[in-house]
C-alpha atoms as a PDB file:
ATOM      1  CA  UNK A   1      -8.071  -3.527  13.784  1.00  0.00           C
ATOM      2  CA  UNK A   2      -5.825  -1.313  11.111  1.00  0.00           C
ATOM      3  CA  UNK A   3      -6.896   2.036   9.733  1.00  0.00           C
ATOM      4  CA  UNK A   4      -5.073   2.956   6.207  1.00  0.00           C
ATOM      5  CA  UNK A   5      -5.686   5.668   3.640  1.00  0.00           C
ATOM      6  CA  UNK A   6      -6.141   4.712   0.285  1.00  0.00           C
ATOM      7  CA  UNK A   7      -5.104   7.517  -2.076  1.00  0.00           C
ATOM      8  CA  UNK A   8      -7.622   8.083  -4.833  1.00  0.00           C
ATOM      9  CA  UNK A   9      -7.896  10.985  -7.734  1.00  0.00           C
ATOM     10  CA  UNK A  10      -5.827  14.055  -7.073  1.00  0.00           C
ATOM     11  CA  UNK A  11      -6.094  14.350  -3.179  1.00  0.00           C
ATOM     12  CA  UNK A  12      -8.760  12.013  -1.850  1.00  0.00           C
ATOM     13  CA  UNK A  13      -8.468   9.610   0.891  1.00  0.00           C
ATOM     14  CA  UNK A  14     -10.699   6.558   0.800  1.00  0.00           C
ATOM     15  CA  UNK A  15     -10.642   5.108   4.303  1.00  0.00           C
ATOM     16  CA  UNK A  16     -10.152   1.871   5.314  1.00  0.00           C
ATOM     17  CA  UNK A  17     -10.524  -0.396   8.593  1.00  0.00           C
ATOM     18  CA  UNK A  18      -9.868  -4.101   8.480  1.00  0.00           C
ATOM     19  CA  UNK A  19      -9.099  -6.399  11.107  1.00  0.00           C
ATOM     20  CA  UNK A  20      -6.690  -9.119   8.765  1.00  0.00           C
ATOM     21  CA  UNK A  21     -10.009 -10.843   7.431  1.00  0.00           C
ATOM     22  CA  UNK A  22     -12.781  -7.798   6.611  1.00  0.00           C
ATOM     23  CA  UNK A  23     -12.631  -4.535   5.881  1.00  0.00           C
ATOM     24  CA  UNK A  24     -14.765  -1.680   5.688  1.00  0.00           C
ATOM     25  CA  UNK A  25     -14.410   1.094   3.372  1.00  0.00           C
ATOM     26  CA  UNK A  26     -15.452   4.986   3.713  1.00  0.00           C
ATOM     27  CA  UNK A  27     -16.705   7.412   0.908  1.00  0.00           C
ATOM     28  CA  UNK A  28     -14.743   5.293  -2.048  1.00  0.00           C
ATOM     29  CA  UNK A  29     -14.949   7.837  -5.043  1.00  0.00           C
ATOM     30  CA  UNK A  30     -13.029   5.431  -7.265  1.00  0.00           C
ATOM     31  CA  UNK A  31     -13.324   1.097  -6.648  1.00  0.00           C
ATOM     32  CA  UNK A  32      -9.729   0.554  -8.007  1.00  0.00           C
ATOM     33  CA  UNK A  33      -7.935   1.968  -5.140  1.00  0.00           C
ATOM     34  CA  UNK A  34     -10.066  -0.783  -2.455  1.00  0.00           C
ATOM     35  CA  UNK A  35      -9.731  -3.530  -4.849  1.00  0.00           C
ATOM     36  CA  UNK A  36      -6.083  -3.534  -5.281  1.00  0.00           C
ATOM     37  CA  UNK A  37      -5.822  -3.189  -1.404  1.00  0.00           C
ATOM     38  CA  UNK A  38      -7.936  -5.842  -0.653  1.00  0.00           C
ATOM     39  CA  UNK A  39      -6.468  -8.381  -3.289  1.00  0.00           C
ATOM     40  CA  UNK A  40      -2.977  -7.248  -1.841  1.00  0.00           C
ATOM     41  CA  UNK A  41      -3.620  -7.905   1.901  1.00  0.00           C
ATOM     42  CA  UNK A  42      -6.321 -10.694   0.616  1.00  0.00           C
ATOM     43  CA  UNK A  43      -9.484  -8.525   2.651  1.00  0.00           C
ATOM     44  CA  UNK A  44     -12.872  -9.635   1.934  1.00  0.00           C
ATOM     45  CA  UNK A  45     -14.804  -5.932   1.624  1.00  0.00           C
ATOM     46  CA  UNK A  46     -18.439  -6.509   4.126  1.00  0.00           C
ATOM     47  CA  UNK A  47     -19.593  -2.558   4.361  1.00  0.00           C
ATOM     48  CA  UNK A  48     -19.095   0.916   2.611  1.00  0.00           C
ATOM     49  CA  UNK A  49     -19.758   4.077   4.845  1.00  0.00           C
ATOM     50  CA  UNK A  50     -20.665   7.155   2.590  1.00  0.00           C
ATOM     51  CA  UNK A  51     -21.067  10.477   4.223  1.00  0.00           C
ATOM     52  CA  UNK A  52     -22.660  12.632   1.251  1.00  0.00           C
ATOM     53  CA  UNK A  53     -23.649  12.849  -2.728  1.00  0.00           C
ATOM     54  CA  UNK A  54     -20.878  14.324  -4.105  1.00  0.00           C
ATOM     55  CA  UNK A  55     -18.992  12.367  -7.064  1.00  0.00           C
ATOM     56  CA  UNK A  56     -15.508  11.751  -5.559  1.00  0.00           C
ATOM     57  CA  UNK A  57     -17.226   9.827  -2.569  1.00  0.00           C
ATOM     58  CA  UNK A  58     -19.760   7.759  -4.173  1.00  0.00           C
ATOM     59  CA  UNK A  59     -18.495   7.035  -7.807  1.00  0.00           C
ATOM     60  CA  UNK A  60     -16.768   3.294  -7.019  1.00  0.00           C
ATOM     61  CA  UNK A  61     -19.883   2.474  -4.828  1.00  0.00           C
ATOM     62  CA  UNK A  62     -21.801   0.699  -7.458  1.00  0.00           C
ATOM     63  CA  UNK A  63     -18.723  -1.174  -8.753  1.00  0.00           C
ATOM     64  CA  UNK A  64     -17.941  -2.120  -5.415  1.00  0.00           C
ATOM     65  CA  UNK A  65     -20.933  -3.488  -4.630  1.00  0.00           C
ATOM     66  CA  UNK A  66     -21.115  -5.805  -7.333  1.00  0.00           C
ATOM     67  CA  UNK A  67     -17.760  -6.850  -7.131  1.00  0.00           C
ATOM     68  CA  UNK A  68     -17.684  -7.862  -3.386  1.00  0.00           C
ATOM     69  CA  UNK A  69     -21.788  -7.910  -2.204  1.00  0.00           C
ATOM     70  CA  UNK A  70     -20.674  -5.582   0.546  1.00  0.00           C
ATOM     71  CA  UNK A  71     -23.670  -3.329   2.318  1.00  0.00           C
ATOM     72  CA  UNK A  72     -23.778  -0.058   1.593  1.00  0.00           C
ATOM     73  CA  UNK A  73     -24.647   2.542   4.592  1.00  0.00           C
ATOM     74  CA  UNK A  74     -25.375   6.154   3.753  1.00  0.00           C
ATOM     75  CA  UNK A  75     -27.411   9.550   4.854  1.00  0.00           C
ATOM     76  CA  UNK A  76     -31.043   9.244   4.765  1.00  0.00           C
ATOM     77  CA  UNK A  77     -31.579  12.512   2.935  1.00  0.00           C
ATOM     78  CA  UNK A  78     -29.203  12.922   0.170  1.00  0.00           C
ATOM     79  CA  UNK A  79     -29.732  11.155  -3.563  1.00  0.00           C
ATOM     80  CA  UNK A  80     -27.296   8.146  -3.086  1.00  0.00           C
ATOM     81  CA  UNK A  81     -26.708   5.105  -5.379  1.00  0.00           C
ATOM     82  CA  UNK A  82     -29.118   2.441  -4.623  1.00  0.00           C
ATOM     83  CA  UNK A  83     -29.450  -0.031  -2.844  1.00  0.00           C
ATOM     84  CA  UNK A  84     -28.204   1.267   0.474  1.00  0.00           C
ATOM     85  CA  UNK A  85     -29.445   1.487   4.163  1.00  0.00           C
ATOM     86  CA  UNK A  86     -30.308   4.973   5.334  1.00  0.00           C
ATOM     87  CA  UNK A  87     -29.227   6.902   8.906  1.00  0.00           C
ATOM     88  CA  UNK A  88     -29.920   9.698  10.532  1.00  0.00           C
ATOM     89  CA  UNK A  89     -28.457  11.479  13.384  1.00  0.00           C
ATOM     90  CA  UNK A  90     -28.244   9.456  16.594  1.00  0.00           C
ATOM     91  CA  UNK A  91     -28.467   5.964  14.727  1.00  0.00           C
ATOM     92  CA  UNK A  92     -26.376   3.530  15.486  1.00  0.00           C
ATOM     93  CA  UNK A  93     -24.055   0.401  13.766  1.00  0.00           C
ATOM     94  CA  UNK A  94     -21.951  -2.461  14.735  1.00  0.00           C
ATOM     95  CA  UNK A  95     -19.690  -3.228  12.111  1.00  0.00           C
ATOM     96  CA  UNK A  96     -16.459  -5.646  12.247  1.00  0.00           C
ATOM     97  CA  UNK A  97     -17.035  -5.477  16.152  1.00  0.00           C
ATOM     98  CA  UNK A  98     -17.160  -1.476  16.447  1.00  0.00           C
ATOM     99  CA  UNK A  99     -19.995   0.533  17.634  1.00  0.00           C
ATOM    100  CA  UNK A 100     -20.609   3.715  14.970  1.00  0.00           C
ATOM    101  CA  UNK A 101     -22.952   6.607  15.876  1.00  0.00           C
ATOM    102  CA  UNK A 102     -24.395   8.560  13.117  1.00  0.00           C
ATOM    103  CA  UNK A 103     -23.860  12.793  13.699  1.00  0.00           C
ATOM    104  CA  UNK A 104     -26.094  15.079  11.121  1.00  0.00           C
ATOM    105  CA  UNK A 105     -23.427  17.895   9.995  1.00  0.00           C
ATOM    106  CA  UNK A 106     -24.968  19.815   7.383  1.00  0.00           C
ATOM    107  CA  UNK A 107     -23.234  22.941   5.362  1.00  0.00           C
ATOM    108  CA  UNK A 108     -21.472  21.128   3.075  1.00  0.00           C
ATOM    109  CA  UNK A 109     -23.968  19.390   1.719  1.00  0.00           C
ATOM    110  CA  UNK A 110     -27.694  19.121   2.495  1.00  0.00           C
ATOM    111  CA  UNK A 111     -29.139  21.823   4.032  1.00  0.00           C
ATOM    112  CA  UNK A 112     -31.772  20.061   5.597  1.00  0.00           C
ATOM    113  CA  UNK A 113     -32.156  17.385   8.175  1.00  0.00           C
ATOM    114  CA  UNK A 114     -30.316  13.731   7.465  1.00  0.00           C
ATOM    115  CA  UNK A 115     -28.109  15.390   5.011  1.00  0.00           C
ATOM    116  CA  UNK A 116     -24.642  15.255   5.389  1.00  0.00           C
ATOM    117  CA  UNK A 117     -23.637  12.291   7.884  1.00  0.00           C
ATOM    118  CA  UNK A 118     -20.467  11.989  10.141  1.00  0.00           C
ATOM    119  CA  UNK A 119     -19.361   8.417  11.079  1.00  0.00           C
ATOM    120  CA  UNK A 120     -18.157   8.292  14.915  1.00  0.00           C
ATOM    121  CA  UNK A 121     -16.874   5.132  16.267  1.00  0.00           C
ATOM    122  CA  UNK A 122     -15.575   4.931  19.613  1.00  0.00           C
ATOM    123  CA  UNK A 123     -14.689   3.822  21.697  1.00  0.00           C
ATOM    124  CA  UNK A 124     -13.811   0.528  20.618  1.00  0.00           C
ATOM    125  CA  UNK A 125     -15.348  -2.233  22.683  1.00  0.00           C
ATOM    126  CA  UNK A 126     -15.821  -0.654  25.803  1.00  0.00           C
ATOM    127  CA  UNK A 127     -18.610   1.565  27.451  1.00  0.00           C
ATOM    128  CA  UNK A 128     -16.168   4.238  28.736  1.00  0.00           C
ATOM    129  CA  UNK A 129     -14.582   6.959  27.102  1.00  0.00           C
ATOM    130  CA  UNK A 130     -10.558   7.930  27.125  1.00  0.00           C
ATOM    131  CA  UNK A 131      -9.675  10.216  29.387  1.00  0.00           C
ATOM    132  CA  UNK A 132     -10.429  13.450  28.022  1.00  0.00           C
ATOM    133  CA  UNK A 133      -7.188  15.431  26.349  1.00  0.00           C
ATOM    134  CA  UNK A 134      -5.347  11.962  26.239  1.00  0.00           C
ATOM    135  CA  UNK A 135      -2.824  12.584  23.384  1.00  0.00           C
ATOM    136  CA  UNK A 136      -1.657   9.771  20.863  1.00  0.00           C
ATOM    137  CA  UNK A 137       1.820   9.384  21.691  1.00  0.00           C
ATOM    138  CA  UNK A 138       2.992  10.576  18.604  1.00  0.00           C
ATOM    139  CA  UNK A 139       1.868  14.187  19.442  1.00  0.00           C
ATOM    140  CA  UNK A 140       0.594  14.771  16.080  1.00  0.00           C
ATOM    141  CA  UNK A 141      -0.709  13.416  12.986  1.00  0.00           C
ATOM    142  CA  UNK A 142      -1.017   9.391  13.330  1.00  0.00           C
ATOM    143  CA  UNK A 143       0.994   7.197  11.137  1.00  0.00           C
ATOM    144  CA  UNK A 144      -0.871   5.782   8.232  1.00  0.00           C
ATOM    145  CA  UNK A 145      -1.848   2.394   8.890  1.00  0.00           C
ATOM    146  CA  UNK A 146      -1.545   2.951  12.468  1.00  0.00           C
ATOM    147  CA  UNK A 147      -3.405  -0.036  14.897  1.00  0.00           C
ATOM    148  CA  UNK A 148      -6.439   1.703  15.970  1.00  0.00           C
ATOM    149  CA  UNK A 149      -7.849   0.454  18.827  1.00  0.00           C
ATOM    150  CA  UNK A 150      -8.804   2.374  22.094  1.00  0.00           C
ATOM    151  CA  UNK A 151      -9.228   5.666  19.976  1.00  0.00           C
ATOM    152  CA  UNK A 152     -12.212   7.211  19.003  1.00  0.00           C
ATOM    153  CA  UNK A 153     -12.422   7.688  15.088  1.00  0.00           C
ATOM    154  CA  UNK A 154     -14.319  10.339  13.064  1.00  0.00           C
ATOM    155  CA  UNK A 155     -15.081   9.832   9.539  1.00  0.00           C
ATOM    156  CA  UNK A 156     -16.493  13.741   8.897  1.00  0.00           C
ATOM    157  CA  UNK A 157     -15.892  13.646   4.801  1.00  0.00           C
ATOM    158  CA  UNK A 158     -16.109  16.987   3.398  1.00  0.00           C
ATOM    159  CA  UNK A 159     -17.153  18.699   6.976  1.00  0.00           C
ATOM    160  CA  UNK A 160     -14.544  19.597   8.877  1.00  0.00           C
ATOM    161  CA  UNK A 161     -10.725  19.280   7.428  1.00  0.00           C
ATOM    162  CA  UNK A 162      -7.423  19.673   9.319  1.00  0.00           C
ATOM    163  CA  UNK A 163      -7.256  23.213   9.849  1.00  0.00           C
ATOM    164  CA  UNK A 164     -10.396  23.760   7.233  1.00  0.00           C
ATOM    165  CA  UNK A 165     -13.569  22.596   6.819  1.00  0.00           C
ATOM    166  CA  UNK A 166     -15.910  22.188   3.869  1.00  0.00           C
ATOM    167  CA  UNK A 167     -17.173  24.902   1.400  1.00  0.00           C
ATOM    168  CA  UNK A 168     -20.838  25.325   1.838  1.00  0.00           C
ATOM    169  CA  UNK A 169     -21.915  24.132  -1.543  1.00  0.00           C
ATOM    170  CA  UNK A 170     -25.775  24.025  -0.173  1.00  0.00           C
ATOM    171  CA  UNK A 171     -25.912  24.616   3.364  1.00  0.00           C
ATOM    172  CA  UNK A 172     -25.559  27.970   5.677  1.00  0.00           C
ATOM    173  CA  UNK A 173     -22.842  29.131   7.514  1.00  0.00           C
ATOM    174  CA  UNK A 174     -25.184  29.186  10.777  1.00  0.00           C
ATOM    175  CA  UNK A 175     -25.399  24.914   9.740  1.00  0.00           C
ATOM    176  CA  UNK A 176     -21.454  24.710   9.499  1.00  0.00           C
ATOM    177  CA  UNK A 177     -20.627  26.262  12.129  1.00  0.00           C
ATOM    178  CA  UNK A 178     -23.385  24.343  14.471  1.00  0.00           C
ATOM    179  CA  UNK A 179     -21.931  20.919  12.822  1.00  0.00           C
ATOM    180  CA  UNK A 180     -18.399  21.683  13.762  1.00  0.00           C
ATOM    181  CA  UNK A 181     -19.285  22.710  17.109  1.00  0.00           C
ATOM    182  CA  UNK A 182     -21.106  19.104  17.217  1.00  0.00           C
ATOM    183  CA  UNK A 183     -17.842  17.791  15.853  1.00  0.00           C
ATOM    184  CA  UNK A 184     -15.225  19.899  18.359  1.00  0.00           C
ATOM    185  CA  UNK A 185     -17.238  18.202  21.281  1.00  0.00           C
ATOM    186  CA  UNK A 186     -16.141  15.112  20.730  1.00  0.00           C
ATOM    187  CA  UNK A 187     -13.339  13.592  22.786  1.00  0.00           C
ATOM    188  CA  UNK A 188     -10.276  15.198  22.321  1.00  0.00           C
ATOM    189  CA  UNK A 189      -8.208  11.721  20.910  1.00  0.00           C
ATOM    190  CA  UNK A 190     -10.669  11.150  18.766  1.00  0.00           C
ATOM    191  CA  UNK A 191      -8.865  10.639  15.176  1.00  0.00           C
ATOM    192  CA  UNK A 192     -10.386  13.319  12.329  1.00  0.00           C
ATOM    193  CA  UNK A 193     -10.397  11.109   9.392  1.00  0.00           C
ATOM    194  CA  UNK A 194     -11.165  13.530   6.670  1.00  0.00           C
ATOM    195  CA  UNK A 195     -11.712  12.792   3.370  1.00  0.00           C
ATOM    196  CA  UNK A 196      -8.828  15.544   1.755  1.00  0.00           C
ATOM    197  CA  UNK A 197      -5.644  16.055   1.842  1.00  0.00           C
ATOM    198  CA  UNK A 198      -5.817  20.172   1.860  1.00  0.00           C
ATOM    199  CA  UNK A 199      -3.888  20.145   4.591  1.00  0.00           C
ATOM    200  CA  UNK A 200      -0.956  22.440   3.868  1.00  0.00           C
ATOM    201  CA  UNK A 201      -3.216  25.015   2.052  1.00  0.00           C
ATOM    202  CA  UNK A 202      -5.507  25.260   4.808  1.00  0.00           C
ATOM    203  CA  UNK A 203      -2.778  25.956   7.290  1.00  0.00           C
ATOM    204  CA  UNK A 204      -1.621  28.713   4.949  1.00  0.00           C
ATOM    205  CA  UNK A 205      -4.584  29.887   5.256  1.00  0.00           C
ATOM    206  CA  UNK A 206      -4.960  29.556   9.238  1.00  0.00           C
ATOM    207  CA  UNK A 207      -1.570  31.494   9.933  1.00  0.00           C
ATOM    208  CA  UNK A 208      -2.815  34.471   8.048  1.00  0.00           C
ATOM    209  CA  UNK A 209      -5.958  34.668  10.274  1.00  0.00           C
ATOM    210  CA  UNK A 210      -4.017  33.609  13.540  1.00  0.00           C
ATOM    211  CA  UNK A 211      -0.023  34.473  12.761  1.00  0.00           C
ATOM    212  CA  UNK A 212       0.733  33.982  16.774  1.00  0.00           C
ATOM    213  CA  UNK A 213      -0.588  31.046  17.041  1.00  0.00           C
ATOM    214  CA  UNK A 214       2.584  28.786  18.545  1.00  0.00           C
ATOM    215  CA  UNK A 215       0.730  25.563  18.441  1.00  0.00           C
ATOM    216  CA  UNK A 216      -0.514  26.482  14.163  1.00  0.00           C
ATOM    217  CA  UNK A 217       3.348  26.855  13.638  1.00  0.00           C
ATOM    218  CA  UNK A 218       4.444  23.670  15.447  1.00  0.00           C
ATOM    219  CA  UNK A 219       1.692  22.192  13.394  1.00  0.00           C
ATOM    220  CA  UNK A 220       2.559  23.521  10.180  1.00  0.00           C
ATOM    221  CA  UNK A 221       5.855  22.476  10.577  1.00  0.00           C
ATOM    222  CA  UNK A 222       4.990  18.947  11.434  1.00  0.00           C
ATOM    223  CA  UNK A 223       2.664  18.467   8.338  1.00  0.00           C
ATOM    224  CA  UNK A 224       5.230  20.402   5.936  1.00  0.00           C
ATOM    225  CA  UNK A 225       7.751  17.329   7.119  1.00  0.00           C
ATOM    226  CA  UNK A 226       5.327  14.368   6.332  1.00  0.00           C
ATOM    227  CA  UNK A 227       4.185  15.831   3.105  1.00  0.00           C
ATOM    228  CA  UNK A 228       7.764  16.414   2.202  1.00  0.00           C
ATOM    229  CA  UNK A 229       7.916  12.590   2.825  1.00  0.00           C
ATOM    230  CA  UNK A 230       5.020  12.192   0.768  1.00  0.00           C
ATOM    231  CA  UNK A 231       3.484  11.251   3.749  1.00  0.00           C
ATOM    232  CA  UNK A 232      -0.613  11.837   4.789  1.00  0.00           C
ATOM    233  CA  UNK A 233      -0.796  14.843   7.340  1.00  0.00           C
ATOM    234  CA  UNK A 234      -4.158  12.722   8.474  1.00  0.00           C
ATOM    235  CA  UNK A 235      -5.473  11.318  10.580  1.00  0.00           C
ATOM    236  CA  UNK A 236      -5.108  14.514  12.688  1.00  0.00           C
ATOM    237  CA  UNK A 237      -6.898  14.195  16.397  1.00  0.00           C
ATOM    238  CA  UNK A 238     -10.038  16.717  17.639  1.00  0.00           C
ATOM    239  CA  UNK A 239      -7.797  18.533  19.874  1.00  0.00           C
ATOM    240  CA  UNK A 240      -5.330  19.325  17.439  1.00  0.00           C
ATOM    241  CA  UNK A 241      -8.359  20.826  15.618  1.00  0.00           C
ATOM    242  CA  UNK A 242      -9.499  22.672  18.543  1.00  0.00           C
ATOM    243  CA  UNK A 243      -5.880  24.394  18.820  1.00  0.00           C
ATOM    244  CA  UNK A 244      -5.302  25.345  14.944  1.00  0.00           C
ATOM    245  CA  UNK A 245      -7.757  25.103  13.268  1.00  0.00           C
ATOM    246  CA  UNK A 246      -9.552  28.739  12.801  1.00  0.00           C
ATOM    247  CA  UNK A 247     -12.974  27.169  12.005  1.00  0.00           C
ATOM    248  CA  UNK A 248     -13.401  25.245  15.169  1.00  0.00           C
ATOM    249  CA  UNK A 249     -11.724  28.594  16.963  1.00  0.00           C
ATOM    250  CA  UNK A 250     -13.866  31.608  15.368  1.00  0.00           C
ATOM    251  CA  UNK A 251     -15.287  32.469  18.788  1.00  0.00           C
ATOM    252  CA  UNK A 252     -11.482  32.958  20.021  1.00  0.00           C
ATOM    253  CA  UNK A 253     -11.262  36.967  20.642  1.00  0.00           C
ATOM    254  CA  UNK A 254      -7.974  37.081  18.075  1.00  0.00           C
ATOM    255  CA  UNK A 255     -10.348  35.318  15.095  1.00  0.00           C
ATOM    256  CA  UNK A 256     -12.975  37.068  15.874  1.00  0.00           C
ATOM    257  CA  UNK A 257     -11.300  40.731  15.961  1.00  0.00           C
ATOM    258  CA  UNK A 258      -9.122  39.691  12.441  1.00  0.00           C
ATOM    259  CA  UNK A 259     -12.824  39.274  10.929  1.00  0.00           C
ATOM    260  CA  UNK A 260     -14.562  42.269  12.490  1.00  0.00           C
ATOM    261  CA  UNK A 261     -11.565  44.283  10.796  1.00  0.00           C
ATOM    262  CA  UNK A 262     -12.773  42.444   7.604  1.00  0.00           C
ATOM    263  CA  UNK A 263     -16.475  42.855   7.669  1.00  0.00           C
ATOM    264  CA  UNK A 264     -17.779  45.394  10.294  1.00  0.00           C
ATOM    265  CA  UNK A 265     -20.792  43.305   9.793  1.00  0.00           C
ATOM    266  CA  UNK A 266     -19.528  40.605  11.818  1.00  0.00           C
ATOM    267  CA  UNK A 267     -20.677  41.047  15.184  1.00  0.00           C
ATOM    268  CA  UNK A 268     -22.142  37.760  16.169  1.00  0.00           C
ATOM    269  CA  UNK A 269     -20.821  34.022  15.789  1.00  0.00           C
ATOM    270  CA  UNK A 270     -22.696  33.202  12.922  1.00  0.00           C
ATOM    271  CA  UNK A 271     -21.471  36.199  11.076  1.00  0.00           C
ATOM    272  CA  UNK A 272     -17.741  36.200  12.300  1.00  0.00           C
ATOM    273  CA  UNK A 273     -17.739  32.125  11.062  1.00  0.00           C
ATOM    274  CA  UNK A 274     -19.769  33.608   7.303  1.00  0.00           C
ATOM    275  CA  UNK A 275     -16.869  35.994   7.034  1.00  0.00           C
ATOM    276  CA  UNK A 276     -14.288  33.716   8.122  1.00  0.00           C
ATOM    277  CA  UNK A 277     -15.471  31.345   5.705  1.00  0.00           C
ATOM    278  CA  UNK A 278     -15.622  33.708   2.493  1.00  0.00           C
ATOM    279  CA  UNK A 279     -12.122  34.923   3.180  1.00  0.00           C
ATOM    280  CA  UNK A 280     -11.043  31.437   2.798  1.00  0.00           C
ATOM    281  CA  UNK A 281     -12.920  30.996  -0.115  1.00  0.00           C
ATOM    282  CA  UNK A 282     -11.036  33.995  -1.891  1.00  0.00           C
ATOM    283  CA  UNK A 283      -7.709  32.994  -0.023  1.00  0.00           C
ATOM    284  CA  UNK A 284      -4.553  32.399  -2.782  1.00  0.00           C
END
């Protein structure tokens, strides 16, 4: 099974998985990159997975469904292009020989159950998880087009980014913190397939939060080198994000102290997280 990030708009990725014959895509905000990839590689589109209702994630759904007759799967609690099959937390789906589990992750959108969802696929074709902490051979972001068999995948839309998280358009800090806790608990070698190339700007903020984080400094250099070659920084891994992403590290003493220095009222997990997210909103 091959994983491809298809660039769209200024900084979106439409994720494609294919087995050489059939494909699925995640969050196709624009149909053209998908149609071009299908034609270039001689693939048939079987399924479209959607995480949430924003236009840059669903704008190409209707055209792709009309062109390919692919089935659309999406969140139970959001207004979506119909028809689609709706899924909520704990639901499962088998596609292209892969087993997906749905995770409710409200915060960016839908401040209620069955809003923004993530599609978690793993492990592939086996009932046993890879060893906790196992790392890909390249030690950082996976190369685009990498064979993904044997490693779990997370299609998390705009909930978790490399080095960051989504803005709280409809949800609350408590909801987003709980959603990120859920994702952080996945196996460390899970590939994080988020929907935007925001990594370098996120890492600039992360270094402001944790200037002494050596893992963050190393990862920043890796990602800067990739972008200098016009290559994606994604996918990341859950293990990497635990080490470098301030929004997964808001309970770390150094992060909590930095937030308390900015807002004396940041005296519990949720208020620390809220202060961190508000700082990111204003960060230049």
